[in-house]
Amino acid sequence: MKEKIRDQETDKLMREKARRIGVKIKYYRTLKGENQTVFSEKLGVSYQYLSRIECGKQTPSLPLLVKIAELLEVDLAKLVSDTL
């Protein structure tokens, strides 16, 4: 039972982390004046997938996170840290 509770807590923390990363991606993308369609094309993903990332419903892979950081000209650490 304790393992199940721990797994649920871990899942909750991971969902919150994904949401925070998505919020930062959206923040830096809009700061650069990029819309989802154009930015997703540069990334090589659909705008729907980018939207799910920005909403925290999808977690991007590490290679995709690196590409996002490069295109946004932001350190990867800024995207994954707990501060803006």
Protein backbone atom coordinates (compact mmCIF):
# COMPACT_ATOMS: atom_id res chain seq x y z
CA MET A 1 0.00 0.00 0.00
CA LYS A 2 2.84 2.40 0.85
CA GLU A 3 4.43 1.73 -2.55
CA LYS A 4 1.20 2.61 -4.34
CA ILE A 5 0.92 5.87 -2.41
CA ARG A 6 4.58 6.65 -3.14
CA ASP A 7 4.01 5.93 -6.85
CA GLN A 8 0.99 8.24 -6.87
CA GLU A 9 3.00 10.98 -5.19
CA THR A 10 5.83 10.54 -7.69
CA ASP A 11 3.35 10.68 -10.58
CA LYS A 12 1.86 13.87 -9.18
CA LEU A 13 5.31 15.47 -8.82
CA MET A 14 6.26 14.47 -12.37
CA ARG A 15 3.03 15.91 -13.79
CA GLU A 16 3.70 19.18 -11.95
CA LYS A 17 7.28 19.25 -13.25
CA ALA A 18 6.05 18.67 -16.81
CA ARG A 19 3.51 21.49 -16.38
CA ARG A 20 6.21 23.89 -15.17
CA ILE A 21 8.50 23.01 -18.07
CA GLY A 22 5.62 23.57 -20.49
CA VAL A 23 4.81 26.96 -18.97
CA LYS A 24 8.45 28.01 -19.38
CA ILE A 25 8.59 26.82 -22.98
CA LYS A 26 5.47 28.83 -23.76
CA TYR A 27 6.84 31.87 -21.91
CA TYR A 28 10.15 31.90 -23.78
CA ARG A 29 8.46 31.07 -27.10
CA THR A 30 6.05 34.00 -26.81
CA LEU A 31 8.88 36.24 -25.59
CA LYS A 32 10.61 35.51 -28.91
CA GLY A 33 7.38 36.31 -30.77
CA GLU A 34 6.97 32.77 -32.12
CA ASN A 35 3.56 31.19 -32.55
CA GLN A 36 3.00 27.48 -31.95
CA THR A 37 2.67 26.60 -35.61
CA VAL A 38 5.95 28.17 -36.72
CA PHE A 39 7.87 26.99 -33.65
CA SER A 40 6.56 23.43 -33.95
CA GLU A 41 7.66 23.36 -37.60
CA LYS A 42 11.16 24.41 -36.57
CA LEU A 43 11.15 21.60 -33.99
CA GLY A 44 9.83 19.05 -36.47
CA VAL A 45 6.76 18.22 -34.37
CA SER A 46 3.06 18.95 -34.79
CA TYR A 47 1.59 22.07 -33.21
CA GLN A 48 -0.78 19.75 -31.31
CA TYR A 49 2.18 17.97 -29.72
CA LEU A 50 3.80 21.29 -28.81
CA SER A 51 0.50 22.41 -27.30
CA ARG A 52 0.34 19.26 -25.15
CA ILE A 53 3.91 19.92 -23.99
CA GLU A 54 3.11 23.52 -23.12
CA CYS A 55 0.02 22.41 -21.19
CA GLY A 56 2.01 19.80 -19.28
CA LYS A 57 0.05 16.91 -20.75
CA GLN A 58 3.07 15.54 -22.61
CA THR A 59 6.69 15.32 -21.47
CA PRO A 60 9.26 16.06 -24.19
CA SER A 61 12.26 13.80 -24.63
CA LEU A 62 15.69 15.09 -23.62
CA PRO A 63 16.82 15.53 -27.26
CA LEU A 64 13.67 17.55 -27.96
CA LEU A 65 14.21 19.65 -24.82
CA VAL A 66 17.76 20.39 -25.99
CA LYS A 67 16.45 21.46 -29.42
CA ILE A 68 13.77 23.64 -27.80
CA ALA A 69 16.37 25.34 -25.60
CA GLU A 70 18.63 25.94 -28.61
CA LEU A 71 15.84 27.43 -30.72
CA LEU A 72 14.68 29.62 -27.84
CA GLU A 73 18.30 30.58 -27.11
CA VAL A 74 17.79 29.64 -23.46
CA ASP A 75 19.93 27.43 -21.25
CA LEU A 76 18.40 23.99 -20.83
CA ALA A 77 18.77 24.44 -17.06
CA LYS A 78 16.34 27.38 -17.20
CA LEU A 79 13.67 25.15 -18.74
CA VAL A 80 13.99 22.37 -16.18
CA SER A 81 14.75 24.38 -13.03
CA ASP A 82 12.01 25.20 -10.54
CA THR A 83 12.45 28.96 -11.01
CA LEU A 84 11.69 31.20 -13.96
